């Protein structure tokens, strides 16, 4: 599968809230879908310095430095189509089988 990576943007419009899906089909090592998520960033320079100081001294939040992404129905359909193409290429699963399975929620 030589699809382009899929960028998913947050519904809020903040460009820091984004995810990237990458399909990697490899017969030798096994096929995978990678989800890369953008970490939290802070615009305030003092907040950035404070986070850096805490990091240097080994502070780790039990929740991590993660943010969120709001996915609207259009983006959900793009993700579904991306994963459906991945399954077709890897497993030979037909699109009608995928649509029957995914609509049973």
N, C-alpha and C. Protein backbone atom coordinates (compact mmCIF):
# COMPACT_ATOMS: atom_id res chain seq x y z
N UNK A 1 0.85 -1.17 0.00
CA UNK A 1 0.00 0.00 0.00
C UNK A 1 0.89 1.23 0.00
N UNK A 2 0.76 2.04 -0.99
CA UNK A 2 1.58 3.24 -1.11
C UNK A 2 0.73 4.49 -0.94
N UNK A 3 -0.22 4.45 0.00
CA UNK A 3 -1.05 5.62 0.26
C UNK A 3 -0.23 6.71 0.93
N UNK A 4 -0.67 7.90 0.71
CA UNK A 4 -0.09 9.03 1.42
C UNK A 4 -0.52 8.94 2.88
N UNK A 5 0.28 9.47 3.78
CA UNK A 5 -0.16 9.52 5.19
C UNK A 5 -1.43 10.33 5.30
N UNK A 6 -2.23 10.00 6.29
CA UNK A 6 -3.49 10.70 6.51
C UNK A 6 -3.33 11.67 7.68
N UNK A 7 -3.50 12.96 7.41
CA UNK A 7 -3.48 13.97 8.46
C UNK A 7 -4.90 14.18 8.95
N UNK A 8 -5.08 14.12 10.25
CA UNK A 8 -6.38 14.37 10.86
C UNK A 8 -6.25 15.64 11.69
N UNK A 9 -7.04 16.63 11.34
CA UNK A 9 -6.98 17.91 12.04
C UNK A 9 -8.13 18.01 13.03
N UNK A 10 -7.87 18.69 14.12
CA UNK A 10 -8.87 18.87 15.17
C UNK A 10 -9.97 19.80 14.67
N UNK A 11 -11.18 19.54 15.13
CA UNK A 11 -12.33 20.35 14.75
C UNK A 11 -12.25 21.76 15.33
N UNK A 12 -11.40 21.97 16.34
CA UNK A 12 -11.29 23.30 16.96
C UNK A 12 -10.50 24.27 16.07
N UNK A 13 -9.72 23.74 15.12
CA UNK A 13 -8.96 24.59 14.22
C UNK A 13 -7.55 24.88 14.66
N UNK A 14 -7.15 24.42 15.83
CA UNK A 14 -5.78 24.64 16.32
C UNK A 14 -4.83 23.70 15.58
N UNK A 15 -3.84 24.26 14.88
CA UNK A 15 -2.94 23.42 14.08
C UNK A 15 -2.05 22.54 14.93
N UNK A 16 -1.96 22.80 16.24
CA UNK A 16 -1.17 21.94 17.12
C UNK A 16 -1.93 20.67 17.48
N UNK A 17 -3.23 20.65 17.22
CA UNK A 17 -4.04 19.47 17.50
C UNK A 17 -4.20 18.68 16.20
N UNK A 18 -3.30 17.77 16.00
CA UNK A 18 -3.33 16.98 14.77
C UNK A 18 -2.79 15.58 15.03
N UNK A 19 -3.21 14.66 14.18
CA UNK A 19 -2.71 13.29 14.24
C UNK A 19 -2.33 12.88 12.83
N UNK A 20 -1.43 11.93 12.73
CA UNK A 20 -0.96 11.44 11.45
C UNK A 20 -1.04 9.92 11.47
N UNK A 21 -1.72 9.34 10.49
CA UNK A 21 -1.79 7.90 10.35
C UNK A 21 -0.94 7.49 9.16
N UNK A 22 -0.09 6.49 9.38
CA UNK A 22 0.81 6.00 8.34
C UNK A 22 0.63 4.49 8.24
N UNK A 23 0.32 4.01 7.05
CA UNK A 23 0.19 2.57 6.82
C UNK A 23 1.51 2.04 6.29
N UNK A 24 1.96 0.96 6.91
CA UNK A 24 3.22 0.33 6.51
C UNK A 24 2.94 -1.15 6.26
N UNK A 25 2.98 -1.52 5.00
CA UNK A 25 2.75 -2.92 4.64
C UNK A 25 4.08 -3.55 4.34
N UNK A 26 4.41 -4.54 5.12
CA UNK A 26 5.70 -5.21 5.00
C UNK A 26 5.47 -6.70 5.21
N UNK A 27 5.70 -7.49 4.16
CA UNK A 27 5.48 -8.93 4.25
C UNK A 27 6.47 -9.61 5.18
N UNK A 28 7.67 -9.06 5.26
CA UNK A 28 8.71 -9.70 6.07
C UNK A 28 8.50 -9.47 7.56
N UNK A 29 8.20 -8.23 7.96
CA UNK A 29 8.12 -7.87 9.38
C UNK A 29 6.69 -7.76 9.88
N UNK A 30 5.73 -7.83 9.02
CA UNK A 30 4.34 -7.65 9.43
C UNK A 30 3.88 -6.22 9.14
N UNK A 31 2.62 -6.09 8.89
CA UNK A 31 2.07 -4.79 8.52
C UNK A 31 1.51 -4.08 9.74
N UNK A 32 1.59 -2.76 9.70
CA UNK A 32 1.14 -1.96 10.84
C UNK A 32 0.59 -0.63 10.36
N UNK A 33 -0.23 -0.04 11.22
CA UNK A 33 -0.65 1.35 11.04
C UNK A 33 -0.08 2.11 12.21
N UNK A 34 0.65 3.17 11.92
CA UNK A 34 1.25 4.00 12.95
C UNK A 34 0.39 5.23 13.14
N UNK A 35 0.16 5.59 14.39
CA UNK A 35 -0.56 6.80 14.72
C UNK A 35 0.39 7.72 15.46
N UNK A 36 0.73 8.82 14.84
CA UNK A 36 1.60 9.81 15.47
C UNK A 36 0.73 10.96 15.92
N UNK A 37 0.86 11.29 17.17
CA UNK A 37 0.03 12.32 17.77
C UNK A 37 0.92 13.48 18.22
N UNK A 38 0.48 14.67 17.98
CA UNK A 38 1.25 15.85 18.34
C UNK A 38 1.17 16.07 19.84
N UNK A 39 2.30 16.27 20.49
CA UNK A 39 2.34 16.53 21.93
C UNK A 39 1.90 17.95 22.24
N UNK A 40 1.57 18.17 23.48
CA UNK A 40 1.15 19.50 23.93
C UNK A 40 2.28 20.51 23.75
N UNK A 41 1.91 21.67 23.33
CA UNK A 41 2.87 22.78 23.25
C UNK A 41 2.25 23.96 23.99
N UNK A 42 3.10 24.84 24.44
CA UNK A 42 2.64 26.01 25.18
C UNK A 42 3.16 27.25 24.48
N UNK A 43 2.30 28.22 24.29
CA UNK A 43 2.70 29.46 23.64
C UNK A 43 3.42 30.40 24.60
N UNK A 44 3.10 30.30 25.87
CA UNK A 44 3.70 31.15 26.87
C UNK A 44 5.13 30.68 27.14
N UNK A 45 6.10 31.55 26.95
CA UNK A 45 7.52 31.18 27.10
C UNK A 45 7.83 30.76 28.53
N UNK A 46 7.20 31.38 29.51
CA UNK A 46 7.46 31.02 30.90
C UNK A 46 6.93 29.63 31.23
N UNK A 47 5.81 29.28 30.65
CA UNK A 47 5.27 27.93 30.83
C UNK A 47 6.22 26.90 30.21
N UNK A 48 6.76 27.21 29.05
CA UNK A 48 7.71 26.31 28.40
C UNK A 48 8.96 26.12 29.25
N UNK A 49 9.47 27.22 29.80
CA UNK A 49 10.67 27.14 30.65
C UNK A 49 10.36 26.31 31.89
N UNK A 50 9.20 26.52 32.50
CA UNK A 50 8.82 25.76 33.70
C UNK A 50 8.74 24.26 33.39
N UNK A 51 8.12 23.90 32.28
CA UNK A 51 8.03 22.49 31.88
C UNK A 51 9.42 21.93 31.63
N UNK A 52 10.31 22.70 31.00
CA UNK A 52 11.68 22.24 30.74
C UNK A 52 12.45 22.02 32.03
N UNK A 53 12.30 22.93 32.99
CA UNK A 53 13.00 22.78 34.27
C UNK A 53 12.52 21.52 34.99
N UNK A 54 11.22 21.30 34.99
CA UNK A 54 10.68 20.09 35.64
C UNK A 54 11.21 18.83 34.94
N UNK A 55 11.30 18.89 33.61
CA UNK A 55 11.82 17.74 32.86
C UNK A 55 13.28 17.46 33.21
N UNK A 56 14.09 18.51 33.28
CA UNK A 56 15.51 18.36 33.60
C UNK A 56 15.70 17.71 34.97
N UNK A 57 14.85 18.05 35.92
CA UNK A 57 14.97 17.49 37.26
C UNK A 57 14.19 16.18 37.44
N UNK A 58 13.70 15.63 36.34
CA UNK A 58 13.12 14.29 36.38
C UNK A 58 11.65 14.20 36.74
N UNK A 59 10.94 15.31 36.78
CA UNK A 59 9.51 15.26 37.09
C UNK A 59 8.77 14.63 35.92
N UNK A 60 7.91 13.69 36.23
CA UNK A 60 7.08 13.06 35.21
C UNK A 60 5.63 13.09 35.68
N UNK A 61 4.77 13.63 34.87
CA UNK A 61 3.35 13.62 35.19
C UNK A 61 2.80 12.23 34.94
N UNK A 62 1.93 11.78 35.82
CA UNK A 62 1.34 10.45 35.60
C UNK A 62 0.41 10.44 34.40
N UNK A 63 0.02 11.62 33.92
CA UNK A 63 -0.86 11.72 32.76
C UNK A 63 -0.10 11.99 31.47
N UNK A 64 1.17 12.39 31.57
CA UNK A 64 1.96 12.71 30.38
C UNK A 64 1.67 14.11 29.88
N UNK A 65 2.35 14.48 28.85
CA UNK A 65 2.19 15.80 28.25
C UNK A 65 1.33 15.70 26.99
N UNK A 66 0.15 15.20 27.14
CA UNK A 66 -0.73 14.97 26.00
C UNK A 66 -1.84 16.00 25.96
N UNK A 67 -2.35 16.21 24.78
CA UNK A 67 -3.48 17.09 24.57
C UNK A 67 -4.59 16.24 23.97
N UNK A 68 -5.55 16.86 23.37
CA UNK A 68 -6.66 16.10 22.79
C UNK A 68 -6.90 16.54 21.36
N UNK A 69 -7.71 15.76 20.67
CA UNK A 69 -8.12 16.10 19.31
C UNK A 69 -9.61 15.78 19.20
N UNK A 70 -10.35 16.71 18.64
CA UNK A 70 -11.79 16.52 18.42
C UNK A 70 -11.96 16.12 16.97
N UNK A 71 -12.53 14.95 16.74
CA UNK A 71 -12.66 14.43 15.38
C UNK A 71 -14.13 14.53 14.96
N UNK A 72 -14.37 15.30 13.90
CA UNK A 72 -15.74 15.46 13.40
C UNK A 72 -16.10 14.27 12.49
N UNK A 73 -17.37 14.11 12.16
CA UNK A 73 -17.79 12.95 11.35
C UNK A 73 -17.08 12.83 10.00
N UNK A 74 -16.73 13.94 9.38
CA UNK A 74 -16.02 13.89 8.10
C UNK A 74 -14.65 13.25 8.28
N UNK A 75 -13.93 13.65 9.32
CA UNK A 75 -12.62 13.07 9.60
C UNK A 75 -12.74 11.60 9.97
N UNK A 76 -13.78 11.25 10.71
CA UNK A 76 -14.00 9.85 11.08
C UNK A 76 -14.17 9.00 9.83
N UNK A 77 -14.90 9.49 8.86
CA UNK A 77 -15.09 8.76 7.60
C UNK A 77 -13.76 8.61 6.86
N UNK A 78 -12.92 9.66 6.88
CA UNK A 78 -11.61 9.57 6.22
C UNK A 78 -10.74 8.52 6.91
N UNK A 79 -10.79 8.48 8.25
CA UNK A 79 -10.02 7.47 8.98
C UNK A 79 -10.54 6.08 8.66
N UNK A 80 -11.87 5.92 8.65
CA UNK A 80 -12.47 4.62 8.32
C UNK A 80 -12.04 4.15 6.93
N UNK A 81 -12.08 5.06 5.95
CA UNK A 81 -11.69 4.70 4.59
C UNK A 81 -10.21 4.33 4.51
N UNK A 82 -9.37 5.07 5.23
CA UNK A 82 -7.94 4.79 5.26
C UNK A 82 -7.68 3.39 5.83
N UNK A 83 -8.33 3.07 6.95
CA UNK A 83 -8.16 1.74 7.57
C UNK A 83 -8.77 0.64 6.72
N UNK A 84 -9.87 0.94 6.03
CA UNK A 84 -10.48 -0.05 5.14
C UNK A 84 -9.53 -0.40 3.99
N UNK A 85 -8.88 0.61 3.41
CA UNK A 85 -7.90 0.35 2.34
C UNK A 85 -6.74 -0.47 2.88
N UNK A 86 -6.32 -0.19 4.09
CA UNK A 86 -5.24 -0.95 4.71
C UNK A 86 -5.64 -2.42 4.86
N UNK A 87 -6.84 -2.67 5.35
CA UNK A 87 -7.30 -4.06 5.52
C UNK A 87 -7.45 -4.78 4.19
N UNK A 88 -7.90 -4.08 3.19
CA UNK A 88 -8.02 -4.69 1.86
C UNK A 88 -6.65 -5.08 1.33
N UNK A 89 -5.68 -4.20 1.49
CA UNK A 89 -4.33 -4.47 0.99
C UNK A 89 -3.62 -5.56 1.78
N UNK A 90 -3.84 -5.62 3.08
CA UNK A 90 -3.12 -6.57 3.92
C UNK A 90 -3.81 -7.92 3.99
N UNK A 91 -5.08 -7.89 4.30
CA UNK A 91 -5.81 -9.13 4.58
C UNK A 91 -6.69 -9.59 3.43
N UNK A 92 -6.87 -8.76 2.45
CA UNK A 92 -7.75 -9.12 1.35
C UNK A 92 -9.22 -9.04 1.73
N UNK A 93 -9.53 -8.32 2.80
CA UNK A 93 -10.91 -8.18 3.24
C UNK A 93 -11.60 -7.20 2.30
N UNK A 94 -12.78 -7.56 1.88
CA UNK A 94 -13.51 -6.73 0.94
C UNK A 94 -14.22 -5.59 1.68
N UNK A 95 -14.46 -4.50 0.96
CA UNK A 95 -15.09 -3.33 1.56
C UNK A 95 -16.48 -3.61 2.10
N UNK A 96 -17.24 -4.50 1.45
CA UNK A 96 -18.58 -4.78 1.95
C UNK A 96 -18.53 -5.53 3.28
N UNK A 97 -17.49 -6.33 3.51
CA UNK A 97 -17.34 -7.01 4.81
C UNK A 97 -17.00 -5.99 5.88
N UNK A 98 -16.17 -5.03 5.55
CA UNK A 98 -15.79 -4.00 6.51
C UNK A 98 -17.00 -3.16 6.89
N UNK A 99 -17.77 -2.73 5.89
CA UNK A 99 -18.91 -1.88 6.19
C UNK A 99 -19.95 -2.60 7.02
N UNK A 100 -20.15 -3.90 6.81
CA UNK A 100 -21.10 -4.67 7.63
C UNK A 100 -20.61 -4.75 9.06
N UNK A 101 -19.32 -4.97 9.26
CA UNK A 101 -18.77 -5.11 10.60
C UNK A 101 -18.75 -3.79 11.36
N UNK A 102 -18.46 -2.70 10.67
CA UNK A 102 -18.32 -1.42 11.36
C UNK A 102 -19.65 -0.77 11.67
N UNK A 103 -20.72 -1.20 11.03
CA UNK A 103 -22.02 -0.58 11.30
C UNK A 103 -22.79 -1.29 12.40
N UNK A 104 -22.18 -2.27 13.05
CA UNK A 104 -22.83 -3.00 14.13
C UNK A 104 -22.42 -2.46 15.48
N UNK A 105 -22.55 -1.18 15.66
CA UNK A 105 -22.23 -0.59 16.95
C UNK A 105 -23.49 0.00 17.47
